[in-house]
Amino acid sequence: MLTPEQAMSEDADKIMRKRELNAKKQFSDAAVWLQERGVIKKLEPASLGKNAGFLLLLGNDEENLAVERWARKCLNLPMVW
């Protein structure tokens, strides 16, 4: 959120764009960190106008595999093993 002074400035759009880019980078860095630790798995890469699809891995290996199969079926994604 911008302070009243920032909102009134000529640079308000530039400030908001900078914050937006920073937020996107932080989210991207967090996703990479979680993937490296096996907490989430990318099921579908991002494409033009479409966000990547991730699976949160909360169960054991057998449960996670079953949920991944179900998610891929629901999202019409190929089964990749």
PDB file of N, CA and C in Angstrom:
ATOM      1  N   MET A   1       0.846  -1.171   0.000  1.00  0.00           N
ATOM      2  CA  MET A   1       0.000   0.000   0.000  1.00  0.00           C
ATOM      3  C   MET A   1       0.892   1.235   0.000  1.00  0.00           C
ATOM      4  N   LEU A   2       0.515   2.193  -0.758  1.00  0.00           N
ATOM      5  CA  LEU A   2       1.280   3.430  -0.850  1.00  0.00           C
ATOM      6  C   LEU A   2       0.880   4.394   0.263  1.00  0.00           C
ATOM      7  N   THR A   3       1.854   5.150   0.727  1.00  0.00           N
ATOM      8  CA  THR A   3       1.544   6.227   1.658  1.00  0.00           C
ATOM      9  C   THR A   3       0.818   7.313   0.872  1.00  0.00           C
ATOM     10  N   PRO A   4       0.107   8.212   1.560  1.00  0.00           N
ATOM     11  CA  PRO A   4      -0.572   9.299   0.834  1.00  0.00           C
ATOM     12  C   PRO A   4       0.395  10.130  -0.012  1.00  0.00           C
ATOM     13  N   GLU A   5       1.594  10.331   0.516  1.00  0.00           N
ATOM     14  CA  GLU A   5       2.583  11.107  -0.232  1.00  0.00           C
ATOM     15  C   GLU A   5       2.994  10.386  -1.514  1.00  0.00           C
ATOM     16  N   GLN A   6       3.201   9.066  -1.400  1.00  0.00           N
ATOM     17  CA  GLN A   6       3.586   8.283  -2.576  1.00  0.00           C
ATOM     18  C   GLN A   6       2.463   8.254  -3.606  1.00  0.00           C
ATOM     19  N   ALA A   7       1.229   8.098  -3.138  1.00  0.00           N
ATOM     20  CA  ALA A   7       0.086   8.028  -4.048  1.00  0.00           C
ATOM     21  C   ALA A   7      -0.099   9.327  -4.822  1.00  0.00           C
ATOM     22  N   MET A   8       0.273  10.421  -4.223  1.00  0.00           N
ATOM     23  CA  MET A   8       0.116  11.722  -4.873  1.00  0.00           C
ATOM     24  C   MET A   8       1.294  12.060  -5.782  1.00  0.00           C
ATOM     25  N   SER A   9       2.363  11.305  -5.685  1.00  0.00           N
ATOM     26  CA  SER A   9       3.555  11.635  -6.463  1.00  0.00           C
ATOM     27  C   SER A   9       3.399  11.205  -7.917  1.00  0.00           C
ATOM     28  N   GLU A  10       4.247  11.761  -8.749  1.00  0.00           N
ATOM     29  CA  GLU A  10       4.237  11.412 -10.170  1.00  0.00           C
ATOM     30  C   GLU A  10       4.789  10.013 -10.403  1.00  0.00           C
ATOM     31  N   ASP A  11       5.501   9.493  -9.424  1.00  0.00           N
ATOM     32  CA  ASP A  11       6.131   8.181  -9.559  1.00  0.00           C
ATOM     33  C   ASP A  11       5.274   7.041  -9.014  1.00  0.00           C
ATOM     34  N   ALA A  12       4.002   7.289  -8.712  1.00  0.00           N
ATOM     35  CA  ALA A  12       3.157   6.264  -8.093  1.00  0.00           C
ATOM     36  C   ALA A  12       3.108   4.990  -8.937  1.00  0.00           C
ATOM     37  N   ASP A  13       2.937   5.122 -10.243  1.00  0.00           N
ATOM     38  CA  ASP A  13       2.884   3.939 -11.110  1.00  0.00           C
ATOM     39  C   ASP A  13       4.207   3.187 -11.088  1.00  0.00           C
ATOM     40  N   LYS A  14       5.300   3.920 -11.094  1.00  0.00           N
ATOM     41  CA  LYS A  14       6.622   3.297 -11.070  1.00  0.00           C
ATOM     42  C   LYS A  14       6.849   2.555  -9.741  1.00  0.00           C
ATOM     43  N   ILE A  15       6.419   3.169  -8.643  1.00  0.00           N
ATOM     44  CA  ILE A  15       6.564   2.545  -7.325  1.00  0.00           C
ATOM     45  C   ILE A  15       5.747   1.262  -7.265  1.00  0.00           C
ATOM     46  N   MET A  16       4.511   1.296  -7.751  1.00  0.00           N
ATOM     47  CA  MET A  16       3.645   0.112  -7.726  1.00  0.00           C
ATOM     48  C   MET A  16       4.207  -0.990  -8.617  1.00  0.00           C
ATOM     49  N   ARG A  17       4.719  -0.641  -9.771  1.00  0.00           N
ATOM     50  CA  ARG A  17       5.309  -1.639 -10.670  1.00  0.00           C
ATOM     51  C   ARG A  17       6.516  -2.301 -10.014  1.00  0.00           C
ATOM     52  N   LYS A  18       7.342  -1.514  -9.347  1.00  0.00           N
ATOM     53  CA  LYS A  18       8.513  -2.049  -8.659  1.00  0.00           C
ATOM     54  C   LYS A  18       8.091  -3.020  -7.558  1.00  0.00           C
ATOM     55  N   ARG A  19       7.061  -2.660  -6.805  1.00  0.00           N
ATOM     56  CA  ARG A  19       6.564  -3.537  -5.741  1.00  0.00           C
ATOM     57  C   ARG A  19       5.976  -4.824  -6.317  1.00  0.00           C
ATOM     58  N   GLU A  20       5.271  -4.695  -7.430  1.00  0.00           N
ATOM     59  CA  GLU A  20       4.689  -5.873  -8.075  1.00  0.00           C
ATOM     60  C   GLU A  20       5.781  -6.839  -8.531  1.00  0.00           C
ATOM     61  N   LEU A  21       6.812  -6.312  -9.167  1.00  0.00           N
ATOM     62  CA  LEU A  21       7.917  -7.160  -9.619  1.00  0.00           C
ATOM     63  C   LEU A  21       8.630  -7.810  -8.442  1.00  0.00           C
ATOM     64  N   ASN A  22       8.793  -7.073  -7.351  1.00  0.00           N
ATOM     65  CA  ASN A  22       9.426  -7.615  -6.160  1.00  0.00           C
ATOM     66  C   ASN A  22       8.591  -8.753  -5.571  1.00  0.00           C
ATOM     67  N   ALA A  23       7.279  -8.575  -5.516  1.00  0.00           N
ATOM     68  CA  ALA A  23       6.395  -9.614  -4.986  1.00  0.00           C
ATOM     69  C   ALA A  23       6.449 -10.872  -5.848  1.00  0.00           C
ATOM     70  N   LYS A  24       6.461 -10.705  -7.165  1.00  0.00           N
ATOM     71  CA  LYS A  24       6.541 -11.858  -8.065  1.00  0.00           C
ATOM     72  C   LYS A  24       7.854 -12.607  -7.879  1.00  0.00           C
ATOM     73  N   LYS A  25       8.954 -11.877  -7.704  1.00  0.00           N
ATOM     74  CA  LYS A  25      10.251 -12.510  -7.494  1.00  0.00           C
ATOM     75  C   LYS A  25      10.271 -13.262  -6.172  1.00  0.00           C
ATOM     76  N   GLN A  26       9.714 -12.674  -5.126  1.00  0.00           N
ATOM     77  CA  GLN A  26       9.672 -13.346  -3.830  1.00  0.00           C
ATOM     78  C   GLN A  26       8.855 -14.632  -3.916  1.00  0.00           C
ATOM     79  N   PHE A  27       7.729 -14.586  -4.611  1.00  0.00           N
ATOM     80  CA  PHE A  27       6.898 -15.780  -4.770  1.00  0.00           C
ATOM     81  C   PHE A  27       7.650 -16.850  -5.554  1.00  0.00           C
ATOM     82  N   SER A  28       8.298 -16.452  -6.630  1.00  0.00           N
ATOM     83  CA  SER A  28       9.061 -17.386  -7.450  1.00  0.00           C
ATOM     84  C   SER A  28      10.193 -18.021  -6.652  1.00  0.00           C
ATOM     85  N   ASP A  29      10.913 -17.212  -5.889  1.00  0.00           N
ATOM     86  CA  ASP A  29      11.999 -17.734  -5.057  1.00  0.00           C
ATOM     87  C   ASP A  29      11.470 -18.719  -4.018  1.00  0.00           C
ATOM     88  N   ALA A  30      10.313 -18.413  -3.431  1.00  0.00           N
ATOM     89  CA  ALA A  30       9.714 -19.307  -2.441  1.00  0.00           C
ATOM     90  C   ALA A  30       9.310 -20.631  -3.084  1.00  0.00           C
ATOM     91  N   ALA A  31       8.761 -20.585  -4.292  1.00  0.00           N
ATOM     92  CA  ALA A  31       8.365 -21.810  -4.991  1.00  0.00           C
ATOM     93  C   ALA A  31       9.580 -22.684  -5.280  1.00  0.00           C
ATOM     94  N   VAL A  32      10.674 -22.079  -5.708  1.00  0.00           N
ATOM     95  CA  VAL A  32      11.908 -22.836  -5.968  1.00  0.00           C
ATOM     96  C   VAL A  32      12.403 -23.472  -4.676  1.00  0.00           C
ATOM     97  N   TRP A  33      12.404 -22.711  -3.595  1.00  0.00           N
ATOM     98  CA  TRP A  33      12.867 -23.206  -2.292  1.00  0.00           C
ATOM     99  C   TRP A  33      12.019 -24.398  -1.842  1.00  0.00           C
ATOM    100  N   LEU A  34      10.696 -24.295  -1.987  1.00  0.00           N
ATOM    101  CA  LEU A  34       9.803 -25.388  -1.588  1.00  0.00           C
ATOM    102  C   LEU A  34       9.984 -26.617  -2.477  1.00  0.00           C
ATOM    103  N   GLN A  35      10.215 -26.410  -3.779  1.00  0.00           N
ATOM    104  CA  GLN A  35      10.461 -27.534  -4.686  1.00  0.00           C
ATOM    105  C   GLN A  35      11.747 -28.254  -4.319  1.00  0.00           C
ATOM    106  N   GLU A  36      12.786 -27.508  -4.028  1.00  0.00           N
ATOM    107  CA  GLU A  36      14.074 -28.109  -3.683  1.00  0.00           C
ATOM    108  C   GLU A  36      13.980 -28.969  -2.428  1.00  0.00           C
ATOM    109  N   ARG A  37      13.051 -28.659  -1.548  1.00  0.00           N
ATOM    110  CA  ARG A  37      12.880 -29.401  -0.311  1.00  0.00           C
ATOM    111  C   ARG A  37      11.796 -30.467  -0.399  1.00  0.00           C
ATOM    112  N   GLY A  38      11.196 -30.614  -1.565  1.00  0.00           N
ATOM    113  CA  GLY A  38      10.198 -31.657  -1.765  1.00  0.00           C
ATOM    114  C   GLY A  38       8.847 -31.374  -1.145  1.00  0.00           C
ATOM    115  N   VAL A  39       8.546 -30.117  -0.874  1.00  0.00           N
ATOM    116  CA  VAL A  39       7.267 -29.754  -0.270  1.00  0.00           C
ATOM    117  C   VAL A  39       6.190 -29.575  -1.337  1.00  0.00           C
ATOM    118  N   ILE A  40       6.592 -29.084  -2.503  1.00  0.00           N
ATOM    119  CA  ILE A  40       5.673 -28.949  -3.626  1.00  0.00           C
ATOM    120  C   ILE A  40       6.313 -29.566  -4.865  1.00  0.00           C
ATOM    121  N   LYS A  41       5.471 -29.931  -5.819  1.00  0.00           N
ATOM    122  CA  LYS A  41       5.938 -30.491  -7.088  1.00  0.00           C
ATOM    123  C   LYS A  41       5.228 -29.755  -8.215  1.00  0.00           C
ATOM    124  N   LYS A  42       5.991 -29.359  -9.220  1.00  0.00           N
ATOM    125  CA  LYS A  42       5.403 -28.670 -10.365  1.00  0.00           C
ATOM    126  C   LYS A  42       4.817 -29.719 -11.305  1.00  0.00           C
ATOM    127  N   LEU A  43       3.501 -29.650 -11.508  1.00  0.00           N
ATOM    128  CA  LEU A  43       2.831 -30.579 -12.413  1.00  0.00           C
ATOM    129  C   LEU A  43       2.761 -30.031 -13.826  1.00  0.00           C
ATOM    130  N   GLU A  44       2.685 -28.712 -13.916  1.00  0.00           N
ATOM    131  CA  GLU A  44       2.525 -28.076 -15.223  1.00  0.00           C
ATOM    132  C   GLU A  44       3.315 -26.772 -15.236  1.00  0.00           C
ATOM    133  N   PRO A  45       4.207 -26.600 -16.208  1.00  0.00           N
ATOM    134  CA  PRO A  45       4.985 -25.357 -16.254  1.00  0.00           C
ATOM    135  C   PRO A  45       4.114 -24.171 -16.667  1.00  0.00           C
ATOM    136  N   ALA A  46       4.572 -23.006 -16.322  1.00  0.00           N
ATOM    137  CA  ALA A  46       3.865 -21.791 -16.733  1.00  0.00           C
ATOM    138  C   ALA A  46       3.992 -21.622 -18.239  1.00  0.00           C
ATOM    139  N   SER A  47       2.970 -21.064 -18.836  1.00  0.00           N
ATOM    140  CA  SER A  47       3.011 -20.733 -20.256  1.00  0.00           C
ATOM    141  C   SER A  47       2.401 -19.345 -20.412  1.00  0.00           C
ATOM    142  N   LEU A  48       2.438 -18.830 -21.590  1.00  0.00           N
ATOM    143  CA  LEU A  48       1.966 -17.474 -21.837  1.00  0.00           C
ATOM    144  C   LEU A  48       0.532 -17.301 -21.336  1.00  0.00           C
ATOM    145  N   GLY A  49       0.350 -16.446 -20.368  1.00  0.00           N
ATOM    146  CA  GLY A  49      -0.976 -16.160 -19.838  1.00  0.00           C
ATOM    147  C   GLY A  49      -1.517 -17.204 -18.883  1.00  0.00           C
ATOM    148  N   LYS A  50      -0.688 -18.171 -18.498  1.00  0.00           N
ATOM    149  CA  LYS A  50      -1.162 -19.241 -17.622  1.00  0.00           C
ATOM    150  C   LYS A  50      -0.103 -19.529 -16.560  1.00  0.00           C
ATOM    151  N   ASN A  51      -0.522 -19.577 -15.314  1.00  0.00           N
ATOM    152  CA  ASN A  51       0.401 -19.856 -14.222  1.00  0.00           C
ATOM    153  C   ASN A  51       0.774 -21.333 -14.187  1.00  0.00           C
ATOM    154  N   ALA A  52       1.887 -21.622 -13.554  1.00  0.00           N
ATOM    155  CA  ALA A  52       2.308 -23.008 -13.363  1.00  0.00           C
ATOM    156  C   ALA A  52       1.347 -23.691 -12.390  1.00  0.00           C
ATOM    157  N   GLY A  53       1.267 -25.007 -12.495  1.00  0.00           N
ATOM    158  CA  GLY A  53       0.433 -25.789 -11.591  1.00  0.00           C
ATOM    159  C   GLY A  53       1.303 -26.585 -10.637  1.00  0.00           C
ATOM    160  N   PHE A  54       1.025 -26.472  -9.344  1.00  0.00           N
ATOM    161  CA  PHE A  54       1.823 -27.145  -8.328  1.00  0.00           C
ATOM    162  C   PHE A  54       0.958 -28.078  -7.497  1.00  0.00           C
ATOM    163  N   LEU A  55       1.597 -29.099  -6.932  1.00  0.00           N
ATOM    164  CA  LEU A  55       0.943 -30.036  -6.025  1.00  0.00           C
ATOM    165  C   LEU A  55       1.647 -29.948  -4.685  1.00  0.00           C
ATOM    166  N   LEU A  56       0.890 -29.736  -3.617  1.00  0.00           N
ATOM    167  CA  LEU A  56       1.435 -29.690  -2.269  1.00  0.00           C
ATOM    168  C   LEU A  56       1.558 -31.118  -1.757  1.00  0.00           C
ATOM    169  N   LEU A  57       2.757 -31.519  -1.373  1.00  0.00           N
ATOM    170  CA  LEU A  57       3.038 -32.896  -0.974  1.00  0.00           C
ATOM    171  C   LEU A  57       2.972 -33.019   0.546  1.00  0.00           C
ATOM    172  N   LEU A  58       1.801 -33.400   1.060  1.00  0.00           N
ATOM    173  CA  LEU A  58       1.591 -33.484   2.500  1.00  0.00           C
ATOM    174  C   LEU A  58       1.657 -34.909   3.037  1.00  0.00           C
ATOM    175  N   GLY A  59       1.466 -35.896   2.179  1.00  0.00           N
ATOM    176  CA  GLY A  59       1.388 -37.276   2.639  1.00  0.00           C
ATOM    177  C   GLY A  59       2.701 -38.018   2.492  1.00  0.00           C
ATOM    178  N   ASN A  60       2.597 -39.338   2.651  1.00  0.00           N
ATOM    179  CA  ASN A  60       3.769 -40.175   2.396  1.00  0.00           C
ATOM    180  C   ASN A  60       3.886 -40.378   0.887  1.00  0.00           C
ATOM    181  N   ASP A  61       4.919 -41.092   0.456  1.00  0.00           N
ATOM    182  CA  ASP A  61       5.152 -41.255  -0.984  1.00  0.00           C
ATOM    183  C   ASP A  61       3.958 -41.887  -1.695  1.00  0.00           C
ATOM    184  N   GLU A  62       3.365 -42.897  -1.092  1.00  0.00           N
ATOM    185  CA  GLU A  62       2.225 -43.588  -1.703  1.00  0.00           C
ATOM    186  C   GLU A  62       1.018 -42.654  -1.831  1.00  0.00           C
ATOM    187  N   GLU A  63       0.726 -41.905  -0.773  1.00  0.00           N
ATOM    188  CA  GLU A  63      -0.400 -40.970  -0.804  1.00  0.00           C
ATOM    189  C   GLU A  63      -0.164 -39.852  -1.817  1.00  0.00           C
ATOM    190  N   ASN A  64       1.044 -39.321  -1.836  1.00  0.00           N
ATOM    191  CA  ASN A  64       1.355 -38.245  -2.780  1.00  0.00           C
ATOM    192  C   ASN A  64       1.242 -38.720  -4.222  1.00  0.00           C
ATOM    193  N   LEU A  65       1.673 -39.947  -4.494  1.00  0.00           N
ATOM    194  CA  LEU A  65       1.574 -40.499  -5.844  1.00  0.00           C
ATOM    195  C   LEU A  65       0.107 -40.647  -6.259  1.00  0.00           C
ATOM    196  N   ALA A  66      -0.721 -41.138  -5.336  1.00  0.00           N
ATOM    197  CA  ALA A  66      -2.148 -41.297  -5.633  1.00  0.00           C
ATOM    198  C   ALA A  66      -2.803 -39.940  -5.914  1.00  0.00           C
ATOM    199  N   VAL A  67      -2.473 -38.944  -5.119  1.00  0.00           N
ATOM    200  CA  VAL A  67      -3.051 -37.611  -5.310  1.00  0.00           C
ATOM    201  C   VAL A  67      -2.541 -36.991  -6.607  1.00  0.00           C
ATOM    202  N   GLU A  68      -1.264 -37.233  -6.932  1.00  0.00           N
ATOM    203  CA  GLU A  68      -0.735 -36.697  -8.188  1.00  0.00           C
ATOM    204  C   GLU A  68      -1.450 -37.323  -9.383  1.00  0.00           C
ATOM    205  N   ARG A  69      -1.679 -38.621  -9.336  1.00  0.00           N
ATOM    206  CA  ARG A  69      -2.417 -39.282 -10.432  1.00  0.00           C
ATOM    207  C   ARG A  69      -3.805 -38.667 -10.583  1.00  0.00           C
ATOM    208  N   TRP A  70      -4.483 -38.481  -9.454  1.00  0.00           N
ATOM    209  CA  TRP A  70      -5.824 -37.901  -9.468  1.00  0.00           C
ATOM    210  C   TRP A  70      -5.789 -36.479 -10.032  1.00  0.00           C
ATOM    211  N   ALA A  71      -4.828 -35.661  -9.579  1.00  0.00           N
ATOM    212  CA  ALA A  71      -4.721 -34.273 -10.047  1.00  0.00           C
ATOM    213  C   ALA A  71      -4.441 -34.224 -11.544  1.00  0.00           C
ATOM    214  N   ARG A  72      -3.531 -35.071 -12.016  1.00  0.00           N
ATOM    215  CA  ARG A  72      -3.212 -35.094 -13.447  1.00  0.00           C
ATOM    216  C   ARG A  72      -4.437 -35.502 -14.266  1.00  0.00           C
ATOM    217  N   LYS A  73      -5.204 -36.446 -13.749  1.00  0.00           N
ATOM    218  CA  LYS A  73      -6.415 -36.878 -14.455  1.00  0.00           C
ATOM    219  C   LYS A  73      -7.429 -35.730 -14.514  1.00  0.00           C
ATOM    220  N   CYS A  74      -7.632 -35.048 -13.388  1.00  0.00           N
ATOM    221  CA  CYS A  74      -8.589 -33.933 -13.332  1.00  0.00           C
ATOM    222  C   CYS A  74      -8.181 -32.774 -14.232  1.00  0.00           C
ATOM    223  N   LEU A  75      -6.875 -32.532 -14.338  1.00  0.00           N
ATOM    224  CA  LEU A  75      -6.367 -31.404 -15.115  1.00  0.00           C
ATOM    225  C   LEU A  75      -6.002 -31.783 -16.545  1.00  0.00           C
ATOM    226  N   ASN A  76      -6.290 -33.030 -16.919  1.00  0.00           N
ATOM    227  CA  ASN A  76      -5.952 -33.534 -18.257  1.00  0.00           C
ATOM    228  C   ASN A  76      -4.469 -33.365 -18.578  1.00  0.00           C
ATOM    229  N   LEU A  77      -3.628 -33.698 -17.609  1.00  0.00           N
ATOM    230  CA  LEU A  77      -2.179 -33.640 -17.792  1.00  0.00           C
ATOM    231  C   LEU A  77      -1.653 -35.042 -18.047  1.00  0.00           C
ATOM    232  N   PRO A  78      -0.575 -35.168 -18.794  1.00  0.00           N
ATOM    233  CA  PRO A  78      -0.019 -36.500 -19.049  1.00  0.00           C
ATOM    234  C   PRO A  78       0.531 -37.121 -17.770  1.00  0.00           C
ATOM    235  N   MET A  79       0.443 -38.429 -17.697  1.00  0.00           N
ATOM    236  CA  MET A  79       1.030 -39.169 -16.579  1.00  0.00           C
ATOM    237  C   MET A  79       2.520 -39.308 -16.848  1.00  0.00           C
ATOM    238  N   VAL A  80       3.336 -38.681 -16.024  1.00  0.00           N
ATOM    239  CA  VAL A  80       4.791 -38.695 -16.203  1.00  0.00           C
ATOM    240  C   VAL A  80       5.405 -39.401 -15.011  1.00  0.00           C
ATOM    241  N   TRP A  81       6.037 -40.527 -15.241  1.00  0.00           N
ATOM    242  CA  TRP A  81       6.662 -41.265 -14.121  1.00  0.00           C
ATOM    243  C   TRP A  81       8.038 -41.600 -14.470  1.00  0.00           C
TER     244      TRP A  81
END
